[in-house]
Amino acid sequence: MDELTDAAHAALAERGSVAPAVLTKVSQTLRAASVDKEASKALTSGTLVDEVEQAGFGPLLSAVPKRRRGRAPRKVEPKAAPKPKPDPTAKQRARVEEQLEKARARVRELEERLEQLR
């Protein structure tokens, strides 16, 4: 929509100064024509003779399913949160962390020995 509005602005600017209200009407018409089938046909065929205003959701409301009469609305129970899957690398990670702690302890031990020898 922005590109079309900019193109319209450029085309109008070639003919002179353009009032901001005109640009607003052009933008509104382009947006309305994007959801209104008849306005869209008229716009693309070059036969649109007047500005078009979008009213509410227009034809989009026909896509909303209607509620059946005589039937209570179905209650939708919220889905329970899925249980977290067990971490397949948990055992390996624990083993590596244990090895790391042993290595750190060994480094501390060797640093103490080095300090004693100095």
PDB file of N, CA and C in Angstrom:
ATOM      1  N   MET A   1       0.822  -1.184   0.000  1.00  0.00           N
ATOM      2  CA  MET A   1       0.000   0.000   0.000  1.00  0.00           C
ATOM      3  C   MET A   1       0.874   1.259   0.000  1.00  0.00           C
ATOM      4  N   ASP A   2       1.961   1.198   0.782  1.00  0.00           N
ATOM      5  CA  ASP A   2       2.834   2.375   0.847  1.00  0.00           C
ATOM      6  C   ASP A   2       3.463   2.674  -0.508  1.00  0.00           C
ATOM      7  N   GLU A   3       3.867   1.606  -1.231  1.00  0.00           N
ATOM      8  CA  GLU A   3       4.467   1.808  -2.548  1.00  0.00           C
ATOM      9  C   GLU A   3       3.461   2.413  -3.519  1.00  0.00           C
ATOM     10  N   LEU A   4       2.221   1.923  -3.478  1.00  0.00           N
ATOM     11  CA  LEU A   4       1.184   2.472  -4.357  1.00  0.00           C
ATOM     12  C   LEU A   4       0.878   3.925  -4.014  1.00  0.00           C
ATOM     13  N   THR A   5       0.825   4.221  -2.721  1.00  0.00           N
ATOM     14  CA  THR A   5       0.564   5.591  -2.287  1.00  0.00           C
ATOM     15  C   THR A   5       1.701   6.510  -2.729  1.00  0.00           C
ATOM     16  N   ASP A   6       2.936   6.026  -2.597  1.00  0.00           N
ATOM     17  CA  ASP A   6       4.093   6.817  -3.031  1.00  0.00           C
ATOM     18  C   ASP A   6       4.057   7.048  -4.547  1.00  0.00           C
ATOM     19  N   ALA A   7       3.676   6.002  -5.289  1.00  0.00           N
ATOM     20  CA  ALA A   7       3.591   6.144  -6.749  1.00  0.00           C
ATOM     21  C   ALA A   7       2.515   7.157  -7.116  1.00  0.00           C
ATOM     22  N   ALA A   8       1.382   7.103  -6.421  1.00  0.00           N
ATOM     23  CA  ALA A   8       0.315   8.079  -6.674  1.00  0.00           C
ATOM     24  C   ALA A   8       0.786   9.485  -6.330  1.00  0.00           C
ATOM     25  N   HIS A   9       1.507   9.622  -5.228  1.00  0.00           N
ATOM     26  CA  HIS A   9       2.036  10.933  -4.829  1.00  0.00           C
ATOM     27  C   HIS A   9       2.981  11.468  -5.896  1.00  0.00           C
ATOM     28  N   ALA A  10       3.859  10.591  -6.407  1.00  0.00           N
ATOM     29  CA  ALA A  10       4.811  11.020  -7.430  1.00  0.00           C
ATOM     30  C   ALA A  10       4.079  11.457  -8.697  1.00  0.00           C
ATOM     31  N   ALA A  11       3.050  10.686  -9.089  1.00  0.00           N
ATOM     32  CA  ALA A  11       2.291  11.033 -10.301  1.00  0.00           C
ATOM     33  C   ALA A  11       1.564  12.357 -10.125  1.00  0.00           C
ATOM     34  N   LEU A  12       0.990  12.569  -8.942  1.00  0.00           N
ATOM     35  CA  LEU A  12       0.287  13.832  -8.690  1.00  0.00           C
ATOM     36  C   LEU A  12       1.264  14.997  -8.564  1.00  0.00           C
ATOM     37  N   ALA A  13       2.432  14.746  -7.981  1.00  0.00           N
ATOM     38  CA  ALA A  13       3.428  15.803  -7.786  1.00  0.00           C
ATOM     39  C   ALA A  13       3.962  16.307  -9.120  1.00  0.00           C
ATOM     40  N   GLU A  14       3.967  15.439 -10.146  1.00  0.00           N
ATOM     41  CA  GLU A  14       4.416  15.872 -11.477  1.00  0.00           C
ATOM     42  C   GLU A  14       3.504  16.969 -12.043  1.00  0.00           C
ATOM     43  N   ARG A  15       2.257  16.964 -11.582  1.00  0.00           N
ATOM     44  CA  ARG A  15       1.286  17.940 -12.076  1.00  0.00           C
ATOM     45  C   ARG A  15       1.206  19.174 -11.192  1.00  0.00           C
ATOM     46  N   GLY A  16       1.974  19.227 -10.133  1.00  0.00           N
ATOM     47  CA  GLY A  16       1.952  20.383  -9.251  1.00  0.00           C
ATOM     48  C   GLY A  16       1.925  19.948  -7.802  1.00  0.00           C
ATOM     49  N   SER A  17       1.655  20.895  -6.906  1.00  0.00           N
ATOM     50  CA  SER A  17       1.652  20.574  -5.486  1.00  0.00           C
ATOM     51  C   SER A  17       0.430  19.714  -5.147  1.00  0.00           C
ATOM     52  N   VAL A  18       0.620  18.873  -4.125  1.00  0.00           N
ATOM     53  CA  VAL A  18      -0.434  17.938  -3.726  1.00  0.00           C
ATOM     54  C   VAL A  18      -0.806  18.221  -2.281  1.00  0.00           C
ATOM     55  N   ALA A  19      -2.092  18.406  -2.036  1.00  0.00           N
ATOM     56  CA  ALA A  19      -2.567  18.641  -0.678  1.00  0.00           C
ATOM     57  C   ALA A  19      -2.510  17.330   0.106  1.00  0.00           C
ATOM     58  N   PRO A  20      -2.110  17.390   1.383  1.00  0.00           N
ATOM     59  CA  PRO A  20      -2.065  16.180   2.201  1.00  0.00           C
ATOM     60  C   PRO A  20      -3.408  15.455   2.262  1.00  0.00           C
ATOM     61  N   ALA A  21      -4.515  16.193   2.210  1.00  0.00           N
ATOM     62  CA  ALA A  21      -5.840  15.570   2.249  1.00  0.00           C
ATOM     63  C   ALA A  21      -6.058  14.679   1.034  1.00  0.00           C
ATOM     64  N   VAL A  22      -5.519  15.109  -0.118  1.00  0.00           N
ATOM     65  CA  VAL A  22      -5.657  14.308  -1.331  1.00  0.00           C
ATOM     66  C   VAL A  22      -4.893  12.997  -1.168  1.00  0.00           C
ATOM     67  N   LEU A  23      -3.700  13.081  -0.627  1.00  0.00           N
ATOM     68  CA  LEU A  23      -2.909  11.863  -0.401  1.00  0.00           C
ATOM     69  C   LEU A  23      -3.605  10.925   0.570  1.00  0.00           C
ATOM     70  N   THR A  24      -4.236  11.480   1.589  1.00  0.00           N
ATOM     71  CA  THR A  24      -4.975  10.658   2.548  1.00  0.00           C
ATOM     72  C   THR A  24      -6.119   9.940   1.853  1.00  0.00           C
ATOM     73  N   LYS A  25      -6.846  10.647   1.005  1.00  0.00           N
ATOM     74  CA  LYS A  25      -7.965  10.037   0.283  1.00  0.00           C
ATOM     75  C   LYS A  25      -7.476   8.954  -0.678  1.00  0.00           C
ATOM     76  N   VAL A  26      -6.356   9.198  -1.333  1.00  0.00           N
ATOM     77  CA  VAL A  26      -5.783   8.193  -2.242  1.00  0.00           C
ATOM     78  C   VAL A  26      -5.408   6.946  -1.454  1.00  0.00           C
ATOM     79  N   SER A  27      -4.745   7.136  -0.323  1.00  0.00           N
ATOM     80  CA  SER A  27      -4.330   6.010   0.509  1.00  0.00           C
ATOM     81  C   SER A  27      -5.534   5.223   1.016  1.00  0.00           C
ATOM     82  N   GLN A  28      -6.575   5.937   1.475  1.00  0.00           N
ATOM     83  CA  GLN A  28      -7.787   5.271   1.967  1.00  0.00           C
ATOM     84  C   GLN A  28      -8.483   4.507   0.848  1.00  0.00           C
ATOM     85  N   THR A  29      -8.513   5.073  -0.319  1.00  0.00           N
ATOM     86  CA  THR A  29      -9.146   4.404  -1.452  1.00  0.00           C
ATOM     87  C   THR A  29      -8.391   3.135  -1.825  1.00  0.00           C
ATOM     88  N   LEU A  30      -7.066   3.201  -1.839  1.00  0.00           N
ATOM     89  CA  LEU A  30      -6.275   2.018  -2.163  1.00  0.00           C
ATOM     90  C   LEU A  30      -6.487   0.915  -1.129  1.00  0.00           C
ATOM     91  N   ARG A  31      -6.514   1.286   0.149  1.00  0.00           N
ATOM     92  CA  ARG A  31      -6.741   0.287   1.197  1.00  0.00           C
ATOM     93  C   ARG A  31      -8.140  -0.314   1.100  1.00  0.00           C
ATOM     94  N   ALA A  32      -9.136   0.521   0.836  1.00  0.00           N
ATOM     95  CA  ALA A  32     -10.511   0.029   0.706  1.00  0.00           C
ATOM     96  C   ALA A  32     -10.633  -0.898  -0.495  1.00  0.00           C
ATOM     97  N   ALA A  33      -9.989  -0.533  -1.594  1.00  0.00           N
ATOM     98  CA  ALA A  33     -10.052  -1.362  -2.794  1.00  0.00           C
ATOM     99  C   ALA A  33      -9.336  -2.695  -2.595  1.00  0.00           C
ATOM    100  N   SER A  34      -8.438  -2.757  -1.643  1.00  0.00           N
ATOM    101  CA  SER A  34      -7.732  -4.021  -1.407  1.00  0.00           C
ATOM    102  C   SER A  34      -8.634  -5.061  -0.752  1.00  0.00           C
ATOM    103  N   VAL A  35      -9.744  -4.635  -0.132  1.00  0.00           N
ATOM    104  CA  VAL A  35     -10.655  -5.588   0.503  1.00  0.00           C
ATOM    105  C   VAL A  35     -12.044  -5.588  -0.130  1.00  0.00           C
ATOM    106  N   ASP A  36     -12.349  -4.615  -0.968  1.00  0.00           N
ATOM    107  CA  ASP A  36     -13.657  -4.526  -1.611  1.00  0.00           C
ATOM    108  C   ASP A  36     -13.508  -4.987  -3.061  1.00  0.00           C
ATOM    109  N   LYS A  37     -14.156  -6.105  -3.376  1.00  0.00           N
ATOM    110  CA  LYS A  37     -13.994  -6.718  -4.696  1.00  0.00           C
ATOM    111  C   LYS A  37     -14.404  -5.786  -5.835  1.00  0.00           C
ATOM    112  N   GLU A  38     -15.543  -5.126  -5.695  1.00  0.00           N
ATOM    113  CA  GLU A  38     -16.028  -4.232  -6.757  1.00  0.00           C
ATOM    114  C   GLU A  38     -15.093  -3.043  -6.949  1.00  0.00           C
ATOM    115  N   ALA A  39     -14.656  -2.451  -5.840  1.00  0.00           N
ATOM    116  CA  ALA A  39     -13.738  -1.308  -5.936  1.00  0.00           C
ATOM    117  C   ALA A  39     -12.412  -1.746  -6.534  1.00  0.00           C
ATOM    118  N   SER A  40     -11.983  -2.938  -6.193  1.00  0.00           N
ATOM    119  CA  SER A  40     -10.728  -3.460  -6.734  1.00  0.00           C
ATOM    120  C   SER A  40     -10.817  -3.633  -8.245  1.00  0.00           C
ATOM    121  N   LYS A  41     -11.947  -4.193  -8.713  1.00  0.00           N
ATOM    122  CA  LYS A  41     -12.143  -4.357 -10.160  1.00  0.00           C
ATOM    123  C   LYS A  41     -12.143  -3.010 -10.861  1.00  0.00           C
ATOM    124  N   ALA A  42     -12.850  -2.045 -10.287  1.00  0.00           N
ATOM    125  CA  ALA A  42     -12.924  -0.718 -10.898  1.00  0.00           C
ATOM    126  C   ALA A  42     -11.549  -0.050 -10.909  1.00  0.00           C
ATOM    127  N   LEU A  43     -10.800  -0.222  -9.843  1.00  0.00           N
ATOM    128  CA  LEU A  43      -9.469   0.392  -9.757  1.00  0.00           C
ATOM    129  C   LEU A  43      -8.523  -0.210 -10.788  1.00  0.00           C
ATOM    130  N   THR A  44      -8.478  -1.532 -10.864  1.00  0.00           N
ATOM    131  CA  THR A  44      -7.546  -2.182 -11.793  1.00  0.00           C
ATOM    132  C   THR A  44      -7.944  -1.988 -13.251  1.00  0.00           C
ATOM    133  N   SER A  45      -9.246  -1.804 -13.508  1.00  0.00           N
ATOM    134  CA  SER A  45      -9.671  -1.590 -14.896  1.00  0.00           C
ATOM    135  C   SER A  45      -9.589  -0.119 -15.306  1.00  0.00           C
ATOM    136  N   GLY A  46      -9.316   0.751 -14.315  1.00  0.00           N
ATOM    137  CA  GLY A  46      -9.201   2.172 -14.620  1.00  0.00           C
ATOM    138  C   GLY A  46     -10.531   2.881 -14.705  1.00  0.00           C
ATOM    139  N   THR A  47     -11.578   2.267 -14.147  1.00  0.00           N
ATOM    140  CA  THR A  47     -12.909   2.874 -14.221  1.00  0.00           C
ATOM    141  C   THR A  47     -13.396   3.396 -12.878  1.00  0.00           C
ATOM    142  N   LEU A  48     -12.542   3.452 -11.896  1.00  0.00           N
ATOM    143  CA  LEU A  48     -12.923   3.978 -10.580  1.00  0.00           C
ATOM    144  C   LEU A  48     -13.085   5.488 -10.711  1.00  0.00           C
ATOM    145  N   VAL A  49     -14.279   5.992 -10.465  1.00  0.00           N
ATOM    146  CA  VAL A  49     -14.556   7.405 -10.698  1.00  0.00           C
ATOM    147  C   VAL A  49     -14.660   8.214  -9.417  1.00  0.00           C
ATOM    148  N   ASP A  50     -14.723   7.554  -8.268  1.00  0.00           N
ATOM    149  CA  ASP A  50     -14.893   8.267  -7.014  1.00  0.00           C
ATOM    150  C   ASP A  50     -14.046   7.583  -5.943  1.00  0.00           C
ATOM    151  N   GLU A  51     -13.764   8.306  -4.881  1.00  0.00           N
ATOM    152  CA  GLU A  51     -13.004   7.709  -3.790  1.00  0.00           C
ATOM    153  C   GLU A  51     -13.848   6.636  -3.094  1.00  0.00           C
ATOM    154  N   VAL A  52     -13.159   5.673  -2.487  1.00  0.00           N
ATOM    155  CA  VAL A  52     -13.837   4.574  -1.801  1.00  0.00           C
ATOM    156  C   VAL A  52     -13.379   4.577  -0.358  1.00  0.00           C
ATOM    157  N   GLU A  53     -14.334   4.426   0.539  1.00  0.00           N
ATOM    158  CA  GLU A  53     -13.994   4.342   1.956  1.00  0.00           C
ATOM    159  C   GLU A  53     -14.287   2.944   2.454  1.00  0.00           C
ATOM    160  N   GLN A  54     -13.401   2.448   3.251  1.00  0.00           N
ATOM    161  CA  GLN A  54     -13.593   1.120   3.838  1.00  0.00           C
ATOM    162  C   GLN A  54     -14.511   1.257   5.042  1.00  0.00           C
ATOM    163  N   ALA A  55     -15.552   0.464   5.078  1.00  0.00           N
ATOM    164  CA  ALA A  55     -16.500   0.506   6.187  1.00  0.00           C
ATOM    165  C   ALA A  55     -16.364  -0.785   6.981  1.00  0.00           C
ATOM    166  N   GLY A  56     -15.831  -0.685   8.179  1.00  0.00           N
ATOM    167  CA  GLY A  56     -15.681  -1.871   9.028  1.00  0.00           C
ATOM    168  C   GLY A  56     -14.791  -2.905   8.374  1.00  0.00           C
ATOM    169  N   PHE A  57     -15.234  -4.160   8.431  1.00  0.00           N
ATOM    170  CA  PHE A  57     -14.458  -5.239   7.839  1.00  0.00           C
ATOM    171  C   PHE A  57     -14.964  -5.595   6.454  1.00  0.00           C
ATOM    172  N   GLY A  58     -16.022  -4.920   5.997  1.00  0.00           N
ATOM    173  CA  GLY A  58     -16.533  -5.127   4.659  1.00  0.00           C
ATOM    174  C   GLY A  58     -16.804  -6.585   4.352  1.00  0.00           C
ATOM    175  N   PRO A  59     -16.368  -7.054   3.190  1.00  0.00           N
ATOM    176  CA  PRO A  59     -16.656  -8.422   2.777  1.00  0.00           C
ATOM    177  C   PRO A  59     -15.944  -9.471   3.624  1.00  0.00           C
ATOM    178  N   LEU A  60     -15.023  -9.057   4.440  1.00  0.00           N
ATOM    179  CA  LEU A  60     -14.328 -10.033   5.280  1.00  0.00           C
ATOM    180  C   LEU A  60     -15.274 -10.689   6.273  1.00  0.00           C
ATOM    181  N   LEU A  61     -16.371 -10.015   6.615  1.00  0.00           N
ATOM    182  CA  LEU A  61     -17.317 -10.588   7.575  1.00  0.00           C
ATOM    183  C   LEU A  61     -17.993 -11.834   7.025  1.00  0.00           C
ATOM    184  N   SER A  62     -18.062 -11.972   5.718  1.00  0.00           N
ATOM    185  CA  SER A  62     -18.687 -13.165   5.153  1.00  0.00           C
ATOM    186  C   SER A  62     -17.852 -14.401   5.415  1.00  0.00           C
ATOM    187  N   ALA A  63     -16.591 -14.233   5.752  1.00  0.00           N
ATOM    188  CA  ALA A  63     -15.723 -15.371   6.037  1.00  0.00           C
ATOM    189  C   ALA A  63     -15.884 -15.869   7.468  1.00  0.00           C
ATOM    190  N   VAL A  64     -16.544 -15.097   8.311  1.00  0.00           N
ATOM    191  CA  VAL A  64     -16.731 -15.500   9.702  1.00  0.00           C
ATOM    192  C   VAL A  64     -17.903 -16.455   9.781  1.00  0.00           C
ATOM    193  N   PRO A  65     -17.705 -17.663  10.331  1.00  0.00           N
ATOM    194  CA  PRO A  65     -18.819 -18.603  10.414  1.00  0.00           C
ATOM    195  C   PRO A  65     -19.901 -18.078  11.346  1.00  0.00           C
ATOM    196  N   LYS A  66     -21.160 -18.297  10.949  1.00  0.00           N
ATOM    197  CA  LYS A  66     -22.280 -17.845  11.763  1.00  0.00           C
ATOM    198  C   LYS A  66     -22.604 -18.895  12.811  1.00  0.00           C
ATOM    199  N   ARG A  67     -23.073 -18.425  13.951  1.00  0.00           N
ATOM    200  CA  ARG A  67     -23.444 -19.322  15.037  1.00  0.00           C
ATOM    201  C   ARG A  67     -24.791 -19.970  14.724  1.00  0.00           C
ATOM    202  N   ARG A  68     -24.886 -21.256  14.944  1.00  0.00           N
ATOM    203  CA  ARG A  68     -26.137 -21.957  14.697  1.00  0.00           C
ATOM    204  C   ARG A  68     -27.113 -21.672  15.822  1.00  0.00           C
ATOM    205  N   ARG A  69     -28.385 -21.513  15.454  1.00  0.00           N
ATOM    206  CA  ARG A  69     -29.408 -21.237  16.451  1.00  0.00           C
ATOM    207  C   ARG A  69     -29.822 -22.528  17.142  1.00  0.00           C
ATOM    208  N   GLY A  70     -30.309 -22.366  18.383  1.00  0.00           N
ATOM    209  CA  GLY A  70     -30.824 -23.507  19.125  1.00  0.00           C
ATOM    210  C   GLY A  70     -29.741 -24.394  19.698  1.00  0.00           C
ATOM    211  N   ARG A  71     -28.553 -24.011  19.551  1.00  0.00           N
ATOM    212  CA  ARG A  71     -27.453 -24.825  20.045  1.00  0.00           C
ATOM    213  C   ARG A  71     -26.551 -23.953  20.898  1.00  0.00           C
ATOM    214  N   ALA A  72     -26.262 -24.443  22.077  1.00  0.00           N
ATOM    215  CA  ALA A  72     -25.394 -23.671  22.975  1.00  0.00           C
ATOM    216  C   ALA A  72     -23.983 -23.673  22.413  1.00  0.00           C
ATOM    217  N   PRO A  73     -23.273 -22.575  22.612  1.00  0.00           N
ATOM    218  CA  PRO A  73     -21.891 -22.555  22.132  1.00  0.00           C
ATOM    219  C   PRO A  73     -21.065 -23.625  22.840  1.00  0.00           C
ATOM    220  N   ARG A  74     -20.239 -24.246  22.087  1.00  0.00           N
ATOM    221  CA  ARG A  74     -19.389 -25.303  22.623  1.00  0.00           C
ATOM    222  C   ARG A  74     -18.292 -24.695  23.474  1.00  0.00           C
ATOM    223  N   LYS A  75     -18.117 -25.257  24.661  1.00  0.00           N
ATOM    224  CA  LYS A  75     -17.049 -24.772  25.532  1.00  0.00           C
ATOM    225  C   LYS A  75     -15.753 -25.439  25.114  1.00  0.00           C
ATOM    226  N   VAL A  76     -14.755 -24.636  25.025  1.00  0.00           N
ATOM    227  CA  VAL A  76     -13.448 -25.146  24.653  1.00  0.00           C
ATOM    228  C   VAL A  76     -12.584 -25.147  25.898  1.00  0.00           C
ATOM    229  N   GLU A  77     -12.199 -26.324  26.288  1.00  0.00           N
ATOM    230  CA  GLU A  77     -11.345 -26.444  27.467  1.00  0.00           C
ATOM    231  C   GLU A  77      -9.922 -26.049  27.088  1.00  0.00           C
ATOM    232  N   PRO A  78      -9.281 -25.280  27.958  1.00  0.00           N
ATOM    233  CA  PRO A  78      -7.892 -24.937  27.651  1.00  0.00           C
ATOM    234  C   PRO A  78      -7.027 -26.194  27.670  1.00  0.00           C
ATOM    235  N   LYS A  79      -6.151 -26.253  26.732  1.00  0.00           N
ATOM    236  CA  LYS A  79      -5.256 -27.412  26.655  1.00  0.00           C
ATOM    237  C   LYS A  79      -4.245 -27.352  27.784  1.00  0.00           C
ATOM    238  N   ALA A  80      -3.984 -28.516  28.341  1.00  0.00           N
ATOM    239  CA  ALA A  80      -2.960 -28.597  29.377  1.00  0.00           C
ATOM    240  C   ALA A  80      -1.606 -28.404  28.718  1.00  0.00           C
ATOM    241  N   ALA A  81      -0.734 -27.775  29.445  1.00  0.00           N
ATOM    242  CA  ALA A  81       0.609 -27.554  28.914  1.00  0.00           C
ATOM    243  C   ALA A  81       1.274 -28.910  28.706  1.00  0.00           C
ATOM    244  N   PRO A  82       1.933 -29.084  27.576  1.00  0.00           N
ATOM    245  CA  PRO A  82       2.585 -30.369  27.329  1.00  0.00           C
ATOM    246  C   PRO A  82       3.715 -30.591  28.332  1.00  0.00           C
ATOM    247  N   LYS A  83       3.869 -31.847  28.684  1.00  0.00           N
ATOM    248  CA  LYS A  83       4.949 -32.179  29.623  1.00  0.00           C
ATOM    249  C   LYS A  83       6.273 -31.998  28.903  1.00  0.00           C
ATOM    250  N   PRO A  84       7.231 -31.414  29.612  1.00  0.00           N
ATOM    251  CA  PRO A  84       8.526 -31.237  28.958  1.00  0.00           C
ATOM    252  C   PRO A  84       9.164 -32.593  28.670  1.00  0.00           C
ATOM    253  N   LYS A  85       9.767 -32.673  27.515  1.00  0.00           N
ATOM    254  CA  LYS A  85      10.443 -33.915  27.132  1.00  0.00           C
ATOM    255  C   LYS A  85      11.740 -34.030  27.912  1.00  0.00           C
ATOM    256  N   PRO A  86      12.101 -35.241  28.292  1.00  0.00           N
ATOM    257  CA  PRO A  86      13.362 -35.385  29.014  1.00  0.00           C
ATOM    258  C   PRO A  86      14.525 -35.016  28.100  1.00  0.00           C
ATOM    259  N   ASP A  87      15.503 -34.401  28.702  1.00  0.00           N
ATOM    260  CA  ASP A  87      16.688 -33.969  27.956  1.00  0.00           C
ATOM    261  C   ASP A  87      17.537 -35.192  27.634  1.00  0.00           C
ATOM    262  N   PRO A  88      17.724 -35.508  26.355  1.00  0.00           N
ATOM    263  CA  PRO A  88      18.490 -36.702  26.003  1.00  0.00           C
ATOM    264  C   PRO A  88      19.977 -36.589  26.351  1.00  0.00           C
ATOM    265  N   THR A  89      20.450 -35.375  26.568  1.00  0.00           N
ATOM    266  CA  THR A  89      21.876 -35.207  26.867  1.00  0.00           C
ATOM    267  C   THR A  89      22.133 -34.955  28.351  1.00  0.00           C
ATOM    268  N   ALA A  90      21.106 -35.085  29.187  1.00  0.00           N
ATOM    269  CA  ALA A  90      21.256 -34.764  30.613  1.00  0.00           C
ATOM    270  C   ALA A  90      22.316 -35.635  31.283  1.00  0.00           C
ATOM    271  N   LYS A  91      22.297 -36.937  31.022  1.00  0.00           N
ATOM    272  CA  LYS A  91      23.273 -37.837  31.651  1.00  0.00           C
ATOM    273  C   LYS A  91      24.683 -37.507  31.186  1.00  0.00           C
ATOM    274  N   GLN A  92      24.815 -37.293  29.894  1.00  0.00           N
ATOM    275  CA  GLN A  92      26.141 -36.967  29.348  1.00  0.00           C
ATOM    276  C   GLN A  92      26.645 -35.635  29.916  1.00  0.00           C
ATOM    277  N   ARG A  93      25.758 -34.653  30.016  1.00  0.00           N
ATOM    278  CA  ARG A  93      26.139 -33.356  30.551  1.00  0.00           C
ATOM    279  C   ARG A  93      26.563 -33.477  32.014  1.00  0.00           C
ATOM    280  N   ALA A  94      25.832 -34.271  32.805  1.00  0.00           N
ATOM    281  CA  ALA A  94      26.180 -34.468  34.219  1.00  0.00           C
ATOM    282  C   ALA A  94      27.548 -35.131  34.338  1.00  0.00           C
ATOM    283  N   ARG A  95      27.788 -36.103  33.459  1.00  0.00           N
ATOM    284  CA  ARG A  95      29.085 -36.804  33.486  1.00  0.00           C
ATOM    285  C   ARG A  95      30.218 -35.838  33.142  1.00  0.00           C
ATOM    286  N   VAL A  96      30.020 -34.987  32.138  1.00  0.00           N
ATOM    287  CA  VAL A  96      31.043 -34.025  31.737  1.00  0.00           C
ATOM    288  C   VAL A  96      31.266 -32.994  32.840  1.00  0.00           C
ATOM    289  N   GLU A  97      30.183 -32.542  33.493  1.00  0.00           N
ATOM    290  CA  GLU A  97      30.322 -31.577  34.589  1.00  0.00           C
ATOM    291  C   GLU A  97      31.110 -32.193  35.752  1.00  0.00           C
ATOM    292  N   GLU A  98      30.873 -33.476  36.024  1.00  0.00           N
ATOM    293  CA  GLU A  98      31.623 -34.170  37.084  1.00  0.00           C
ATOM    294  C   GLU A  98      33.095 -34.252  36.719  1.00  0.00           C
ATOM    295  N   GLN A  99      33.394 -34.574  35.452  1.00  0.00           N
ATOM    296  CA  GLN A  99      34.785 -34.623  35.000  1.00  0.00           C
ATOM    297  C   GLN A  99      35.443 -33.257  35.108  1.00  0.00           C
ATOM    298  N   LEU A 100      34.682 -32.213  34.775  1.00  0.00           N
ATOM    299  CA  LEU A 100      35.207 -30.852  34.863  1.00  0.00           C
ATOM    300  C   LEU A 100      35.545 -30.494  36.300  1.00  0.00           C
ATOM    301  N   GLU A 101      34.654 -30.843  37.231  1.00  0.00           N
ATOM    302  CA  GLU A 101      34.917 -30.547  38.643  1.00  0.00           C
ATOM    303  C   GLU A 101      36.149 -31.295  39.131  1.00  0.00           C
ATOM    304  N   LYS A 102      36.303 -32.547  38.720  1.00  0.00           N
ATOM    305  CA  LYS A 102      37.498 -33.320  39.098  1.00  0.00           C
ATOM    306  C   LYS A 102      38.749 -32.667  38.523  1.00  0.00           C
ATOM    307  N   ALA A 103      38.665 -32.192  37.279  1.00  0.00           N
ATOM    308  CA  ALA A 103      39.814 -31.548  36.647  1.00  0.00           C
ATOM    309  C   ALA A 103      40.159 -30.249  37.369  1.00  0.00           C
ATOM    310  N   ARG A 104      39.143 -29.489  37.786  1.00  0.00           N
ATOM    311  CA  ARG A 104      39.407 -28.249  38.530  1.00  0.00           C
ATOM    312  C   ARG A 104      40.072 -28.556  39.875  1.00  0.00           C
ATOM    313  N   ALA A 105      39.592 -29.604  40.527  1.00  0.00           N
ATOM    314  CA  ALA A 105      40.203 -29.995  41.807  1.00  0.00           C
ATOM    315  C   ALA A 105      41.652 -30.388  41.587  1.00  0.00           C
ATOM    316  N   ARG A 106      41.925 -31.105  40.503  1.00  0.00           N
ATOM    317  CA  ARG A 106      43.307 -31.531  40.202  1.00  0.00           C
ATOM    318  C   ARG A 106      44.178 -30.319  39.911  1.00  0.00           C
ATOM    319  N   VAL A 107      43.629 -29.319  39.190  1.00  0.00           N
ATOM    320  CA  VAL A 107      44.381 -28.095  38.902  1.00  0.00           C
ATOM    321  C   VAL A 107      44.710 -27.378  40.201  1.00  0.00           C
ATOM    322  N   ARG A 108      43.743 -27.281  41.112  1.00  0.00           N
ATOM    323  CA  ARG A 108      44.008 -26.629  42.410  1.00  0.00           C
ATOM    324  C   ARG A 108      45.103 -27.370  43.168  1.00  0.00           C
ATOM    325  N   GLU A 109      45.038 -28.685  43.122  1.00  0.00           N
ATOM    326  CA  GLU A 109      46.051 -29.508  43.813  1.00  0.00           C
ATOM    327  C   GLU A 109      47.426 -29.269  43.223  1.00  0.00           C
ATOM    328  N   LEU A 110      47.514 -29.225  41.898  1.00  0.00           N
ATOM    329  CA  LEU A 110      48.804 -28.999  41.247  1.00  0.00           C
ATOM    330  C   LEU A 110      49.313 -27.580  41.489  1.00  0.00           C
ATOM    331  N   GLU A 111      48.421 -26.609  41.547  1.00  0.00           N
ATOM    332  CA  GLU A 111      48.834 -25.236  41.836  1.00  0.00           C
ATOM    333  C   GLU A 111      49.397 -25.134  43.251  1.00  0.00           C
ATOM    334  N   GLU A 112      48.771 -25.854  44.197  1.00  0.00           N
ATOM    335  CA  GLU A 112      49.276 -25.857  45.576  1.00  0.00           C
ATOM    336  C   GLU A 112      50.656 -26.486  45.626  1.00  0.00           C
ATOM    337  N   ARG A 113      50.864 -27.579  44.919  1.00  0.00           N
ATOM    338  CA  ARG A 113      52.190 -28.228  44.890  1.00  0.00           C
ATOM    339  C   ARG A 113      53.237 -27.308  44.282  1.00  0.00           C
ATOM    340  N   LEU A 114      52.839 -26.615  43.216  1.00  0.00           N
ATOM    341  CA  LEU A 114      53.743 -25.681  42.555  1.00  0.00           C
ATOM    342  C   LEU A 114      54.128 -24.562  43.513  1.00  0.00           C
ATOM    343  N   GLU A 115      53.164 -24.069  44.251  1.00  0.00           N
ATOM    344  CA  GLU A 115      53.409 -23.007  45.228  1.00  0.00           C
ATOM    345  C   GLU A 115      54.370 -23.484  46.303  1.00  0.00           C
ATOM    346  N   GLN A 116      54.219 -24.722  46.747  1.00  0.00           N
ATOM    347  CA  GLN A 116      55.107 -25.282  47.772  1.00  0.00           C
ATOM    348  C   GLN A 116      56.537 -25.411  47.245  1.00  0.00           C
ATOM    349  N   LEU A 117      56.666 -25.760  45.965  1.00  0.00           N
ATOM    350  CA  LEU A 117      57.997 -25.931  45.384  1.00  0.00           C
ATOM    351  C   LEU A 117      58.675 -24.593  45.128  1.00  0.00           C
ATOM    352  N   ARG A 118      57.957 -23.546  45.009  1.00  0.00           N
ATOM    353  CA  ARG A 118      58.562 -22.231  44.792  1.00  0.00           C
ATOM    354  C   ARG A 118      59.103 -21.763  46.086  1.00  0.00           C
TER     355      ARG A 118
END
